[in-house]
C-alpha atoms as a PDB file:
ATOM      1  CA  GLY A   1     -34.892 126.443-118.375  1.00  0.00           C
ATOM      2  CA  GLU A   2     -31.479 126.013-116.892  1.00  0.00           C
ATOM      3  CA  ALA A   3     -32.848 125.319-113.402  1.00  0.00           C
ATOM      4  CA  VAL A   4     -34.931 122.386-114.633  1.00  0.00           C
ATOM      5  CA  CYS A   5     -31.982 120.925-116.544  1.00  0.00           C
ATOM      6  CA  ALA A   6     -29.790 121.274-113.461  1.00  0.00           C
ATOM      7  CA  ALA A   7     -32.426 119.594-111.274  1.00  0.00           C
ATOM      8  CA  PHE A   8     -32.701 116.578-113.571  1.00  0.00           C
ATOM      9  CA  LEU A   9     -28.917 116.374-113.982  1.00  0.00           C
ATOM     10  CA  MET A  10     -28.461 116.393-110.189  1.00  0.00           C
ATOM     11  CA  LYS A  11     -31.179 113.779-109.792  1.00  0.00           C
ATOM     12  CA  GLU A  12     -29.395 111.429-112.204  1.00  0.00           C
ATOM     13  CA  LEU A  13     -25.997 112.022-110.598  1.00  0.00           C
ATOM     14  CA  LEU A  14     -27.402 111.652-107.068  1.00  0.00           C
ATOM     15  CA  LEU A  15     -28.944 108.279-107.902  1.00  0.00           C
ATOM     16  CA  GLN A  16     -25.420 106.860-108.094  1.00  0.00           C
ATOM     17  CA  HIS A  17     -24.775 107.943-104.492  1.00  0.00           C
ATOM     18  CA  LEU A  18     -28.157 107.174-102.919  1.00  0.00           C
ATOM     19  CA  THR A  19     -28.881 103.634-104.115  1.00  0.00           C
ATOM     20  CA  HIS A  20     -28.726 102.399-100.496  1.00  0.00           C
ATOM     21  CA  LEU A  21     -31.265 105.034 -99.348  1.00  0.00           C
ATOM     22  CA  VAL A  22     -34.428 104.368-101.341  1.00  0.00           C
ATOM     23  CA  GLU A  23     -36.377 106.997 -99.383  1.00  0.00           C
ATOM     24  CA  ALA A  24     -33.759 109.619-100.258  1.00  0.00           C
ATOM     25  CA  VAL A  25     -34.045 109.262-104.023  1.00  0.00           C
ATOM     26  CA  PRO A  26     -35.027 112.758-105.193  1.00  0.00           C
ATOM     27  CA  HIS A  27     -38.108 113.733-107.174  1.00  0.00           C
ATOM     28  CA  VAL A  28     -38.365 116.899-109.274  1.00  0.00           C
ATOM     29  CA  LEU A  29     -41.688 118.624-108.624  1.00  0.00           C
ATOM     30  CA  THR A  30     -43.707 120.040-111.496  1.00  0.00           C
ATOM     31  CA  GLU A  31     -45.575 123.340-111.214  1.00  0.00           C
ATOM     32  CA  LYS A  32     -48.856 121.715-110.217  1.00  0.00           C
ATOM     33  CA  GLU A  33     -47.500 119.172-107.731  1.00  0.00           C
ATOM     34  CA  THR A  34     -47.694 119.642-104.005  1.00  0.00           C
ATOM     35  CA  LEU A  35     -45.072 118.502-101.568  1.00  0.00           C
ATOM     36  CA  PRO A  36     -45.476 114.802-100.705  1.00  0.00           C
ATOM     37  CA  PRO A  37     -46.448 114.351 -97.023  1.00  0.00           C
ATOM     38  CA  ASN A  38     -43.425 112.194 -96.143  1.00  0.00           C
ATOM     39  CA  THR A  39     -40.897 114.776 -97.336  1.00  0.00           C
ATOM     40  CA  ARG A  40     -38.115 115.477 -94.859  1.00  0.00           C
ATOM     41  CA  THR A  41     -35.757 117.538 -96.998  1.00  0.00           C
ATOM     42  CA  VAL A  42     -36.238 119.840 -99.943  1.00  0.00           C
ATOM     43  CA  ILE A  43     -33.326 120.588-102.222  1.00  0.00           C
ATOM     44  CA  VAL A  44     -34.073 124.158-103.257  1.00  0.00           C
ATOM     45  CA  ILE A  45     -32.895 124.836-106.802  1.00  0.00           C
ATOM     46  CA  CYS A  46     -31.986 128.535-106.743  1.00  0.00           C
ATOM     47  CA  SER A  47     -31.906 130.570-109.936  1.00  0.00           C
ATOM     48  CA  ASN A  48     -32.471 134.256-110.554  1.00  0.00           C
ATOM     49  CA  GLY A  49     -36.169 135.010-110.316  1.00  0.00           C
ATOM     50  CA  CYS A  50     -37.137 131.695-108.711  1.00  0.00           C
ATOM     51  CA  PHE A  51     -38.619 133.382-105.627  1.00  0.00           C
ATOM     52  CA  ARG A  52     -40.952 135.401-107.850  1.00  0.00           C
ATOM     53  CA  GLN A  53     -42.667 132.350-109.383  1.00  0.00           C
ATOM     54  CA  PRO A  54     -46.047 131.617-107.707  1.00  0.00           C
ATOM     55  CA  HIS A  55     -45.779 127.801-108.030  1.00  0.00           C
ATOM     56  CA  TYR A  56     -42.227 127.821-106.682  1.00  0.00           C
ATOM     57  CA  VAL A  57     -43.180 130.090-103.764  1.00  0.00           C
ATOM     58  CA  ARG A  58     -46.198 127.874-103.002  1.00  0.00           C
ATOM     59  CA  GLN A  59     -43.987 124.783-102.852  1.00  0.00           C
ATOM     60  CA  ILE A  60     -41.388 126.518-100.674  1.00  0.00           C
ATOM     61  CA  LEU A  61     -44.076 127.739 -98.256  1.00  0.00           C
ATOM     62  CA  GLU A  62     -45.631 124.231 -98.164  1.00  0.00           C
ATOM     63  CA  ALA A  63     -42.208 122.857 -97.293  1.00  0.00           C
ATOM     64  CA  GLU A  64     -41.798 125.375 -94.479  1.00  0.00           C
ATOM     65  CA  ALA A  65     -45.259 124.556 -93.108  1.00  0.00           C
ATOM     66  CA  ALA A  66     -44.299 120.858 -93.134  1.00  0.00           C
ATOM     67  CA  GLY A  67     -41.142 121.606 -91.130  1.00  0.00           C
ATOM     68  CA  VAL A  68     -38.720 120.087 -93.632  1.00  0.00           C
ATOM     69  CA  SER A  69     -35.015 120.807 -93.865  1.00  0.00           C
ATOM     70  CA  PHE A  70     -33.747 122.844 -96.788  1.00  0.00           C
ATOM     71  CA  VAL A  71     -30.601 122.248 -98.823  1.00  0.00           C
ATOM     72  CA  PRO A  72     -29.946 125.220-101.131  1.00  0.00           C
ATOM     73  CA  VAL A  73     -28.357 124.551-104.509  1.00  0.00           C
ATOM     74  CA  VAL A  74     -27.427 127.483-106.731  1.00  0.00           C
ATOM     75  CA  VAL A  75     -27.568 126.683-110.455  1.00  0.00           C
ATOM     76  CA  GLU A  76     -26.589 130.054-111.959  1.00  0.00           C
ATOM     77  CA  GLU A  77     -23.131 131.513-111.413  1.00  0.00           C
ATOM     78  CA  ASN A  78     -24.565 135.042-111.300  1.00  0.00           C
ATOM     79  CA  PHE A  79     -27.304 134.136-108.783  1.00  0.00           C
ATOM     80  CA  ARG A  80     -28.290 137.117-106.628  1.00  0.00           C
ATOM     81  CA  PHE A  81     -28.106 136.049-103.006  1.00  0.00           C
ATOM     82  CA  PRO A  82     -30.729 137.640-100.749  1.00  0.00           C
ATOM     83  CA  CYS A  83     -29.827 141.117 -99.531  1.00  0.00           C
ATOM     84  CA  ASP A  84     -31.805 144.161 -98.398  1.00  0.00           C
ATOM     85  CA  LEU A  85     -32.664 145.176-101.977  1.00  0.00           C
ATOM     86  CA  PHE A  86     -33.743 141.607-102.772  1.00  0.00           C
ATOM     87  CA  TYR A  87     -36.089 141.583 -99.764  1.00  0.00           C
ATOM     88  CA  GLU A  88     -37.494 145.003-100.731  1.00  0.00           C
ATOM     89  CA  GLU A  89     -38.317 143.550-104.154  1.00  0.00           C
ATOM     90  CA  ILE A  90     -40.084 140.599-102.492  1.00  0.00           C
ATOM     91  CA  LEU A  91     -42.212 143.057-100.489  1.00  0.00           C
ATOM     92  CA  GLU A  92     -43.314 144.682-103.771  1.00  0.00           C
ATOM     93  CA  LEU A  93     -44.503 141.439-105.394  1.00  0.00           C
ATOM     94  CA  PRO A  94     -48.241 141.110-106.072  1.00  0.00           C
ATOM     95  CA  PRO A  95     -50.186 139.215-103.368  1.00  0.00           C
ATOM     96  CA  ASN A  96     -51.130 136.377-105.758  1.00  0.00           C
ATOM     97  CA  VAL A  97     -47.498 135.186-105.620  1.00  0.00           C
ATOM     98  CA  PHE A  98     -47.848 134.234-101.946  1.00  0.00           C
ATOM     99  CA  GLY A  99     -51.120 132.308-101.990  1.00  0.00           C
ATOM    100  CA  ASP A 100     -52.443 132.139 -98.414  1.00  0.00           C
ATOM    101  CA  CYS A 101     -49.246 133.647 -96.981  1.00  0.00           C
ATOM    102  CA  ASN A 102     -47.587 137.039 -97.303  1.00  0.00           C
ATOM    103  CA  ALA A 103     -44.256 138.562 -98.309  1.00  0.00           C
ATOM    104  CA  HIS A 104     -42.904 138.438 -94.752  1.00  0.00           C
ATOM    105  CA  ASP A 105     -43.572 134.687 -94.580  1.00  0.00           C
ATOM    106  CA  LEU A 106     -41.581 134.189 -97.776  1.00  0.00           C
ATOM    107  CA  ILE A 107     -38.751 136.403 -96.529  1.00  0.00           C
ATOM    108  CA  ASP A 108     -38.549 134.317 -93.342  1.00  0.00           C
ATOM    109  CA  VAL A 109     -38.391 131.089 -95.351  1.00  0.00           C
ATOM    110  CA  ILE A 110     -35.749 132.444 -97.739  1.00  0.00           C
ATOM    111  CA  GLY A 111     -33.682 133.387 -94.694  1.00  0.00           C
ATOM    112  CA  ARG A 112     -34.077 129.862 -93.355  1.00  0.00           C
ATOM    113  CA  ILE A 113     -33.085 128.332 -96.692  1.00  0.00           C
ATOM    114  CA  PHE A 114     -29.823 130.244 -96.658  1.00  0.00           C
ATOM    115  CA  LEU A 115     -28.956 129.359 -93.061  1.00  0.00           C
ATOM    116  CA  ASP A 116     -27.007 126.542 -94.715  1.00  0.00           C
ATOM    117  CA  ILE A 117     -24.286 127.252 -97.220  1.00  0.00           C
ATOM    118  CA  ALA A 118     -25.510 126.787-100.763  1.00  0.00           C
ATOM    119  CA  THR A 119     -23.798 124.279-103.012  1.00  0.00           C
ATOM    120  CA  GLY A 120     -23.120 125.531-106.523  1.00  0.00           C
ATOM    121  CA  VAL A 121     -23.965 123.049-109.275  1.00  0.00           C
ATOM    122  CA  PHE A 122     -23.566 124.449-112.770  1.00  0.00           C
ATOM    123  CA  CYS A 123     -24.426 122.362-115.832  1.00  0.00           C
ATOM    124  CA  GLN A 124     -21.474 123.804-117.760  1.00  0.00           C
ATOM    125  CA  ASP A 125     -18.933 122.596-115.159  1.00  0.00           C
ATOM    126  CA  SER A 126     -16.625 119.737-116.016  1.00  0.00           C
ATOM    127  CA  GLU A 127     -17.745 116.197-115.270  1.00  0.00           C
ATOM    128  CA  LYS A 128     -15.136 115.976-112.498  1.00  0.00           C
ATOM    129  CA  VAL A 129     -16.306 119.173-110.788  1.00  0.00           C
ATOM    130  CA  LEU A 130     -19.954 118.078-111.034  1.00  0.00           C
ATOM    131  CA  ALA A 131     -19.065 114.683-109.550  1.00  0.00           C
ATOM    132  CA  VAL A 132     -17.378 116.288-106.528  1.00  0.00           C
ATOM    133  CA  ARG A 133     -20.201 118.750-105.907  1.00  0.00           C
ATOM    134  CA  VAL A 134     -22.928 116.134-106.278  1.00  0.00           C
ATOM    135  CA  ALA A 135     -21.026 113.752-103.970  1.00  0.00           C
ATOM    136  CA  SER A 136     -20.958 116.542-101.391  1.00  0.00           C
ATOM    137  CA  LEU A 137     -24.678 117.115-101.903  1.00  0.00           C
ATOM    138  CA  ALA A 138     -25.357 113.377-101.480  1.00  0.00           C
ATOM    139  CA  ALA A 139     -23.469 113.436 -98.176  1.00  0.00           C
ATOM    140  CA  ARG A 140     -25.631 116.328 -96.978  1.00  0.00           C
ATOM    141  CA  ILE A 141     -28.782 114.455 -97.957  1.00  0.00           C
ATOM    142  CA  ALA A 142     -27.687 111.174 -96.374  1.00  0.00           C
ATOM    143  CA  TRP A 143     -26.879 112.829 -93.035  1.00  0.00           C
ATOM    144  CA  GLN A 144     -29.935 115.086 -92.827  1.00  0.00           C
ATOM    145  CA  PRO A 145     -31.608 115.166 -89.394  1.00  0.00           C
ATOM    146  CA  THR A 146     -34.784 113.109 -89.088  1.00  0.00           C
ATOM    147  CA  THR A 147     -36.736 115.650 -87.048  1.00  0.00           C
ATOM    148  CA  LYS A 148     -38.845 118.361 -88.604  1.00  0.00           C
ATOM    149  CA  SER A 149     -39.203 121.884 -87.273  1.00  0.00           C
ATOM    150  CA  THR A 150     -40.418 125.118 -88.769  1.00  0.00           C
ATOM    151  CA  TYR A 151     -38.401 128.284 -89.093  1.00  0.00           C
ATOM    152  CA  ARG A 152     -40.373 129.888 -86.273  1.00  0.00           C
ATOM    153  CA  GLU A 153     -39.543 126.980 -83.934  1.00  0.00           C
ATOM    154  CA  LYS A 154     -35.858 127.219 -84.825  1.00  0.00           C
ATOM    155  CA  ARG A 155     -35.909 130.974 -84.343  1.00  0.00           C
ATOM    156  CA  ALA A 156     -37.516 130.516 -80.915  1.00  0.00           C
ATOM    157  CA  HIS A 157     -34.530 128.349 -79.990  1.00  0.00           C
ATOM    158  CA  GLY A 158     -32.027 131.047 -80.945  1.00  0.00           C
ATOM    159  CA  THR A 159     -31.109 130.124 -84.523  1.00  0.00           C
ATOM    160  CA  THR A 160     -29.890 133.199 -86.408  1.00  0.00           C
ATOM    161  CA  PHE A 161     -29.321 134.016 -90.058  1.00  0.00           C
ATOM    162  CA  ALA A 162     -25.905 133.988 -91.653  1.00  0.00           C
ATOM    163  CA  ARG A 163     -25.013 137.333 -93.172  1.00  0.00           C
ATOM    164  CA  THR A 164     -25.365 137.588 -96.920  1.00  0.00           C
ATOM    165  CA  SER A 165     -21.686 138.553 -97.184  1.00  0.00           C
ATOM    166  CA  GLU A 166     -20.727 135.342 -95.339  1.00  0.00           C
ATOM    167  CA  ILE A 167     -22.897 133.285 -97.679  1.00  0.00           C
ATOM    168  CA  GLN A 168     -21.351 134.962-100.736  1.00  0.00           C
ATOM    169  CA  LEU A 169     -17.837 134.393 -99.359  1.00  0.00           C
ATOM    170  CA  HIS A 170     -18.521 130.671 -98.903  1.00  0.00           C
ATOM    171  CA  PHE A 171     -20.143 130.480-102.339  1.00  0.00           C
ATOM    172  CA  ASP A 172     -17.110 132.137-103.952  1.00  0.00           C
ATOM    173  CA  LYS A 173     -14.866 129.545-102.295  1.00  0.00           C
ATOM    174  CA  LEU A 174     -17.103 126.760-103.632  1.00  0.00           C
ATOM    175  CA  ARG A 175     -16.934 128.163-107.119  1.00  0.00           C
ATOM    176  CA  ASP A 176     -13.140 128.494-106.989  1.00  0.00           C
ATOM    177  CA  THR A 177     -12.448 124.960-105.794  1.00  0.00           C
ATOM    178  CA  ALA A 178     -14.623 121.932-106.359  1.00  0.00           C
ATOM    179  CA  SER A 179     -13.147 120.188-103.328  1.00  0.00           C
ATOM    180  CA  ASP A 180     -14.410 122.932-101.018  1.00  0.00           C
ATOM    181  CA  CYS A 181     -18.036 121.883-101.458  1.00  0.00           C
ATOM    182  CA  SER A 182     -20.027 122.030 -98.260  1.00  0.00           C
ATOM    183  CA  LEU A 183     -21.100 118.835 -96.557  1.00  0.00           C
ATOM    184  CA  SER A 184     -23.413 117.395 -93.981  1.00  0.00           C
ATOM    185  CA  SER A 185     -27.732 116.596 -94.819  1.00  0.00           C
ATOM    186  CA  LYS A 186     -32.422 113.114 -96.483  1.00  0.00           C
ATOM    187  CA  ALA A 187     -34.156 114.211 -99.528  1.00  0.00           C
ATOM    188  CA  ASP A 188     -37.523 112.925-100.457  1.00  0.00           C
ATOM    189  CA  SER A 189     -38.221 115.749-102.879  1.00  0.00           C
ATOM    190  CA  TRP A 190     -36.874 118.591-104.979  1.00  0.00           C
ATOM    191  CA  VAL A 191     -38.271 121.949-105.801  1.00  0.00           C
ATOM    192  CA  ALA A 192     -37.306 123.207-109.225  1.00  0.00           C
ATOM    193  CA  GLU A 193     -38.321 126.184-111.283  1.00  0.00           C
ATOM    194  CA  VAL A 194     -40.363 124.483-113.999  1.00  0.00           C
END
């Protein structure tokens, strides 16, 4: 779908920015793939319904267990950012979606993913807008911290969630102006809804 197209488009555009960082060249995971052991950052391709897909959830939970950093990228303009109703819906998902984990584990990881402001990358945007947003994304990847830590470790050190309204406000600003793209993050892998 649209998320897969966006992931491959971003990969191609990012290659232009990351030629000097061979280890940062992204890889789009298929449904059956597991997260490579050397992964430091996962670019999370966010589309409506992505957190209900068992393979996607498995890969996100693997990434959390590995202590990677997350860089959220929204690929649908009408993406529903996590809110109370969203989390209630996660709690109602069948257990097979979570594998060896549970709904609360996924909710914690989703909260961690959105600690950083999501970058909006929409395939229908102009070439110029896409170039600015992908350049911003490349900067985040290139400056990503080298240490790994899980959500629980970060929470133990006082990291808190941004409010959904704050995330939406920042996302609206990103959508309105391409130059307002967020910055600052090393990607060895991607997670895409395949």
